[in-house]
Amino acid sequence: MKPRTRRPLMAIFAIPTAIALVTTAGLVTALLDDGLVDAVSWAALSVPVLAAAWCWRRRER
């Protein structure tokens, strides 16, 4: 087994940080208005679910 290389913190936490920011934006937009803004919030709040499903699907291979 070859040793793991050290990665910088930004490489480790970039995607989780982006998911957290998109989710926060989705929660805030859900509080603001109805109509198109609701669609934006639904799309933003589906990002963590889709990311988890993608990781789960990729792990089964």
PDB file of N, CA and C in Angstrom:
ATOM      1  N   MET A   1       0.855  -1.167   0.000  1.00  0.00           N
ATOM      2  CA  MET A   1       0.000   0.000   0.000  1.00  0.00           C
ATOM      3  C   MET A   1       0.904   1.234   0.000  1.00  0.00           C
ATOM      4  N   LYS A   2       0.638   2.158  -0.919  1.00  0.00           N
ATOM      5  CA  LYS A   2       1.484   3.337  -0.966  1.00  0.00           C
ATOM      6  C   LYS A   2       0.958   4.406   0.000  1.00  0.00           C
ATOM      7  N   PRO A   3       1.851   5.195   0.551  1.00  0.00           N
ATOM      8  CA  PRO A   3       1.423   6.212   1.530  1.00  0.00           C
ATOM      9  C   PRO A   3       0.613   7.322   0.864  1.00  0.00           C
ATOM     10  N   ARG A   4      -0.289   7.872   1.633  1.00  0.00           N
ATOM     11  CA  ARG A   4      -1.114   8.974   1.139  1.00  0.00           C
ATOM     12  C   ARG A   4      -0.315  10.260   1.111  1.00  0.00           C
ATOM     13  N   THR A   5      -0.589  11.052   0.098  1.00  0.00           N
ATOM     14  CA  THR A   5       0.069  12.349   0.030  1.00  0.00           C
ATOM     15  C   THR A   5      -0.733  13.359   0.845  1.00  0.00           C
ATOM     16  N   ARG A   6      -0.049  14.322   1.391  1.00  0.00           N
ATOM     17  CA  ARG A   6      -0.714  15.363   2.182  1.00  0.00           C
ATOM     18  C   ARG A   6      -1.331  16.378   1.237  1.00  0.00           C
ATOM     19  N   ARG A   7      -2.584  16.712   1.511  1.00  0.00           N
ATOM     20  CA  ARG A   7      -3.281  17.718   0.702  1.00  0.00           C
ATOM     21  C   ARG A   7      -3.530  18.953   1.545  1.00  0.00           C
ATOM     22  N   PRO A   8      -3.520  20.115   0.917  1.00  0.00           N
ATOM     23  CA  PRO A   8      -3.808  21.343   1.674  1.00  0.00           C
ATOM     24  C   PRO A   8      -5.269  21.366   2.141  1.00  0.00           C
ATOM     25  N   LEU A   9      -5.526  22.132   3.182  1.00  0.00           N
ATOM     26  CA  LEU A   9      -6.875  22.203   3.742  1.00  0.00           C
ATOM     27  C   LEU A   9      -7.904  22.675   2.730  1.00  0.00           C
ATOM     28  N   MET A  10      -7.528  23.580   1.852  1.00  0.00           N
ATOM     29  CA  MET A  10      -8.475  24.082   0.857  1.00  0.00           C
ATOM     30  C   MET A  10      -8.911  22.964  -0.090  1.00  0.00           C
ATOM     31  N   ALA A  11      -8.021  22.061  -0.410  1.00  0.00           N
ATOM     32  CA  ALA A  11      -8.377  20.939  -1.281  1.00  0.00           C
ATOM     33  C   ALA A  11      -9.327  19.979  -0.574  1.00  0.00           C
ATOM     34  N   ILE A  12      -9.223  19.880   0.726  1.00  0.00           N
ATOM     35  CA  ILE A  12     -10.072  18.966   1.487  1.00  0.00           C
ATOM     36  C   ILE A  12     -11.454  19.565   1.724  1.00  0.00           C
ATOM     37  N   PHE A  13     -11.502  20.843   2.063  1.00  0.00           N
ATOM     38  CA  PHE A  13     -12.756  21.460   2.485  1.00  0.00           C
ATOM     39  C   PHE A  13     -13.434  22.331   1.436  1.00  0.00           C
ATOM     40  N   ALA A  14     -12.958  22.364   0.217  1.00  0.00           N
ATOM     41  CA  ALA A  14     -13.533  23.241  -0.808  1.00  0.00           C
ATOM     42  C   ALA A  14     -14.960  22.821  -1.172  1.00  0.00           C
ATOM     43  N   ILE A  15     -15.173  21.566  -1.465  1.00  0.00           N
ATOM     44  CA  ILE A  15     -16.500  21.109  -1.888  1.00  0.00           C
ATOM     45  C   ILE A  15     -17.497  21.145  -0.724  1.00  0.00           C
ATOM     46  N   PRO A  16     -17.145  20.673   0.487  1.00  0.00           N
ATOM     47  CA  PRO A  16     -18.102  20.813   1.595  1.00  0.00           C
ATOM     48  C   PRO A  16     -18.458  22.261   1.909  1.00  0.00           C
ATOM     49  N   THR A  17     -17.499  23.166   1.773  1.00  0.00           N
ATOM     50  CA  THR A  17     -17.780  24.586   2.003  1.00  0.00           C
ATOM     51  C   THR A  17     -18.732  25.127   0.950  1.00  0.00           C
ATOM     52  N   ALA A  18     -18.516  24.742  -0.302  1.00  0.00           N
ATOM     53  CA  ALA A  18     -19.405  25.184  -1.379  1.00  0.00           C
ATOM     54  C   ALA A  18     -20.820  24.653  -1.173  1.00  0.00           C
ATOM     55  N   ILE A  19     -20.942  23.396  -0.763  1.00  0.00           N
ATOM     56  CA  ILE A  19     -22.263  22.813  -0.499  1.00  0.00           C
ATOM     57  C   ILE A  19     -22.939  23.549   0.653  1.00  0.00           C
ATOM     58  N   ALA A  20     -22.189  23.882   1.689  1.00  0.00           N
ATOM     59  CA  ALA A  20     -22.754  24.613   2.829  1.00  0.00           C
ATOM     60  C   ALA A  20     -23.225  25.997   2.421  1.00  0.00           C
ATOM     61  N   LEU A  21     -22.461  26.685   1.581  1.00  0.00           N
ATOM     62  CA  LEU A  21     -22.860  28.023   1.136  1.00  0.00           C
ATOM     63  C   LEU A  21     -24.109  27.972   0.252  1.00  0.00           C
ATOM     64  N   VAL A  22     -24.186  26.996  -0.638  1.00  0.00           N
ATOM     65  CA  VAL A  22     -25.363  26.857  -1.498  1.00  0.00           C
ATOM     66  C   VAL A  22     -26.591  26.516  -0.664  1.00  0.00           C
ATOM     67  N   THR A  23     -26.422  25.644   0.326  1.00  0.00           N
ATOM     68  CA  THR A  23     -27.544  25.276   1.196  1.00  0.00           C
ATOM     69  C   THR A  23     -28.018  26.480   2.010  1.00  0.00           C
ATOM     70  N   THR A  24     -27.088  27.254   2.537  1.00  0.00           N
ATOM     71  CA  THR A  24     -27.453  28.449   3.288  1.00  0.00           C
ATOM     72  C   THR A  24     -28.189  29.449   2.403  1.00  0.00           C
ATOM     73  N   ALA A  25     -27.707  29.625   1.195  1.00  0.00           N
ATOM     74  CA  ALA A  25     -28.394  30.521   0.260  1.00  0.00           C
ATOM     75  C   ALA A  25     -29.797  30.006  -0.045  1.00  0.00           C
ATOM     76  N   GLY A  26     -29.952  28.703  -0.175  1.00  0.00           N
ATOM     77  CA  GLY A  26     -31.274  28.126  -0.419  1.00  0.00           C
ATOM     78  C   GLY A  26     -32.225  28.340   0.743  1.00  0.00           C
ATOM     79  N   LEU A  27     -31.726  28.214   1.951  1.00  0.00           N
ATOM     80  CA  LEU A  27     -32.569  28.433   3.126  1.00  0.00           C
ATOM     81  C   LEU A  27     -32.985  29.903   3.243  1.00  0.00           C
ATOM     82  N   VAL A  28     -32.067  30.804   2.950  1.00  0.00           N
ATOM     83  CA  VAL A  28     -32.388  32.231   3.017  1.00  0.00           C
ATOM     84  C   VAL A  28     -33.383  32.613   1.931  1.00  0.00           C
ATOM     85  N   THR A  29     -33.181  32.127   0.716  1.00  0.00           N
ATOM     86  CA  THR A  29     -34.107  32.474  -0.365  1.00  0.00           C
ATOM     87  C   THR A  29     -35.489  31.868  -0.141  1.00  0.00           C
ATOM     88  N   ALA A  30     -35.565  30.755   0.567  1.00  0.00           N
ATOM     89  CA  ALA A  30     -36.871  30.166   0.866  1.00  0.00           C
ATOM     90  C   ALA A  30     -37.692  31.078   1.777  1.00  0.00           C
ATOM     91  N   LEU A  31     -37.013  31.863   2.576  1.00  0.00           N
ATOM     92  CA  LEU A  31     -37.713  32.781   3.479  1.00  0.00           C
ATOM     93  C   LEU A  31     -38.127  34.093   2.818  1.00  0.00           C
ATOM     94  N   LEU A  32     -37.547  34.404   1.679  1.00  0.00           N
ATOM     95  CA  LEU A  32     -37.722  35.733   1.108  1.00  0.00           C
ATOM     96  C   LEU A  32     -39.016  35.946   0.336  1.00  0.00           C
ATOM     97  N   ASP A  33     -39.320  35.067  -0.607  1.00  0.00           N
ATOM     98  CA  ASP A  33     -40.406  35.366  -1.525  1.00  0.00           C
ATOM     99  C   ASP A  33     -41.002  34.070  -2.060  1.00  0.00           C
ATOM    100  N   ASP A  34     -42.061  34.196  -2.839  1.00  0.00           N
ATOM    101  CA  ASP A  34     -42.700  33.046  -3.479  1.00  0.00           C
ATOM    102  C   ASP A  34     -42.435  33.096  -4.978  1.00  0.00           C
ATOM    103  N   GLY A  35     -42.853  32.055  -5.652  1.00  0.00           N
ATOM    104  CA  GLY A  35     -42.724  32.022  -7.107  1.00  0.00           C
ATOM    105  C   GLY A  35     -41.386  31.480  -7.548  1.00  0.00           C
ATOM    106  N   LEU A  36     -40.698  32.256  -8.377  1.00  0.00           N
ATOM    107  CA  LEU A  36     -39.416  31.833  -8.924  1.00  0.00           C
ATOM    108  C   LEU A  36     -38.375  31.634  -7.826  1.00  0.00           C
ATOM    109  N   VAL A  37     -38.449  32.427  -6.794  1.00  0.00           N
ATOM    110  CA  VAL A  37     -37.490  32.312  -5.691  1.00  0.00           C
ATOM    111  C   VAL A  37     -37.644  30.963  -4.986  1.00  0.00           C
ATOM    112  N   ASP A  38     -38.867  30.450  -4.917  1.00  0.00           N
ATOM    113  CA  ASP A  38     -39.068  29.120  -4.351  1.00  0.00           C
ATOM    114  C   ASP A  38     -38.378  28.047  -5.192  1.00  0.00           C
ATOM    115  N   ALA A  39     -38.424  28.197  -6.492  1.00  0.00           N
ATOM    116  CA  ALA A  39     -37.753  27.243  -7.374  1.00  0.00           C
ATOM    117  C   ALA A  39     -36.234  27.288  -7.167  1.00  0.00           C
ATOM    118  N   VAL A  40     -35.708  28.480  -6.980  1.00  0.00           N
ATOM    119  CA  VAL A  40     -34.268  28.622  -6.721  1.00  0.00           C
ATOM    120  C   VAL A  40     -33.909  27.960  -5.395  1.00  0.00           C
ATOM    121  N   SER A  41     -34.738  28.157  -4.388  1.00  0.00           N
ATOM    122  CA  SER A  41     -34.447  27.547  -3.088  1.00  0.00           C
ATOM    123  C   SER A  41     -34.546  26.026  -3.149  1.00  0.00           C
ATOM    124  N   TRP A  42     -35.525  25.502  -3.883  1.00  0.00           N
ATOM    125  CA  TRP A  42     -35.624  24.047  -4.049  1.00  0.00           C
ATOM    126  C   TRP A  42     -34.390  23.493  -4.748  1.00  0.00           C
ATOM    127  N   ALA A  43     -33.933  24.194  -5.775  1.00  0.00           N
ATOM    128  CA  ALA A  43     -32.734  23.751  -6.494  1.00  0.00           C
ATOM    129  C   ALA A  43     -31.506  23.782  -5.582  1.00  0.00           C
ATOM    130  N   ALA A  44     -31.383  24.851  -4.805  1.00  0.00           N
ATOM    131  CA  ALA A  44     -30.234  24.969  -3.914  1.00  0.00           C
ATOM    132  C   ALA A  44     -30.280  23.926  -2.801  1.00  0.00           C
ATOM    133  N   LEU A  45     -31.467  23.651  -2.285  1.00  0.00           N
ATOM    134  CA  LEU A  45     -31.576  22.675  -1.207  1.00  0.00           C
ATOM    135  C   LEU A  45     -31.479  21.232  -1.694  1.00  0.00           C
ATOM    136  N   SER A  46     -31.569  21.023  -2.992  1.00  0.00           N
ATOM    137  CA  SER A  46     -31.403  19.666  -3.515  1.00  0.00           C
ATOM    138  C   SER A  46     -29.926  19.330  -3.736  1.00  0.00           C
ATOM    139  N   VAL A  47     -29.052  20.309  -3.694  1.00  0.00           N
ATOM    140  CA  VAL A  47     -27.623  20.073  -3.932  1.00  0.00           C
ATOM    141  C   VAL A  47     -27.025  19.079  -2.929  1.00  0.00           C
ATOM    142  N   PRO A  48     -27.236  19.211  -1.608  1.00  0.00           N
ATOM    143  CA  PRO A  48     -26.645  18.226  -0.696  1.00  0.00           C
ATOM    144  C   PRO A  48     -27.208  16.821  -0.895  1.00  0.00           C
ATOM    145  N   VAL A  49     -28.481  16.732  -1.233  1.00  0.00           N
ATOM    146  CA  VAL A  49     -29.094  15.418  -1.471  1.00  0.00           C
ATOM    147  C   VAL A  49     -28.480  14.774  -2.712  1.00  0.00           C
ATOM    148  N   LEU A  50     -28.335  15.560  -3.768  1.00  0.00           N
ATOM    149  CA  LEU A  50     -27.736  15.040  -4.997  1.00  0.00           C
ATOM    150  C   LEU A  50     -26.262  14.676  -4.800  1.00  0.00           C
ATOM    151  N   ALA A  51     -25.545  15.468  -4.019  1.00  0.00           N
ATOM    152  CA  ALA A  51     -24.142  15.155  -3.746  1.00  0.00           C
ATOM    153  C   ALA A  51     -24.008  13.859  -2.955  1.00  0.00           C
ATOM    154  N   ALA A  52     -24.874  13.663  -1.975  1.00  0.00           N
ATOM    155  CA  ALA A  52     -24.836  12.421  -1.194  1.00  0.00           C
ATOM    156  C   ALA A  52     -25.192  11.223  -2.067  1.00  0.00           C
ATOM    157  N   ALA A  53     -26.193  11.367  -2.922  1.00  0.00           N
ATOM    158  CA  ALA A  53     -26.574  10.268  -3.817  1.00  0.00           C
ATOM    159  C   ALA A  53     -25.454   9.962  -4.800  1.00  0.00           C
ATOM    160  N   TRP A  54     -24.794  11.003  -5.309  1.00  0.00           N
ATOM    161  CA  TRP A  54     -23.692  10.792  -6.237  1.00  0.00           C
ATOM    162  C   TRP A  54     -22.536  10.043  -5.556  1.00  0.00           C
ATOM    163  N   CYS A  55     -22.187  10.439  -4.327  1.00  0.00           N
ATOM    164  CA  CYS A  55     -21.110   9.767  -3.593  1.00  0.00           C
ATOM    165  C   CYS A  55     -21.476   8.330  -3.260  1.00  0.00           C
ATOM    166  N   TRP A  56     -22.725   8.110  -2.886  1.00  0.00           N
ATOM    167  CA  TRP A  56     -23.181   6.764  -2.550  1.00  0.00           C
ATOM    168  C   TRP A  56     -23.134   5.870  -3.787  1.00  0.00           C
ATOM    169  N   ARG A  57     -23.570   6.395  -4.907  1.00  0.00           N
ATOM    170  CA  ARG A  57     -23.566   5.636  -6.160  1.00  0.00           C
ATOM    171  C   ARG A  57     -22.137   5.330  -6.604  1.00  0.00           C
ATOM    172  N   ARG A  58     -21.256   6.310  -6.470  1.00  0.00           N
ATOM    173  CA  ARG A  58     -19.872   6.118  -6.881  1.00  0.00           C
ATOM    174  C   ARG A  58     -19.138   5.113  -5.986  1.00  0.00           C
ATOM    175  N   ARG A  59     -19.510   5.080  -4.710  1.00  0.00           N
ATOM    176  CA  ARG A  59     -18.853   4.186  -3.767  1.00  0.00           C
ATOM    177  C   ARG A  59     -19.198   2.728  -4.027  1.00  0.00           C
ATOM    178  N   GLU A  60     -20.364   2.438  -4.586  1.00  0.00           N
ATOM    179  CA  GLU A  60     -20.788   1.062  -4.821  1.00  0.00           C
ATOM    180  C   GLU A  60     -20.027   0.381  -5.951  1.00  0.00           C
ATOM    181  N   ARG A  61     -19.374   1.137  -6.799  1.00  0.00           N
ATOM    182  CA  ARG A  61     -18.661   0.555  -7.944  1.00  0.00           C
ATOM    183  C   ARG A  61     -17.482  -0.259  -7.561  1.00  0.00           C
TER     184      ARG A  61
END
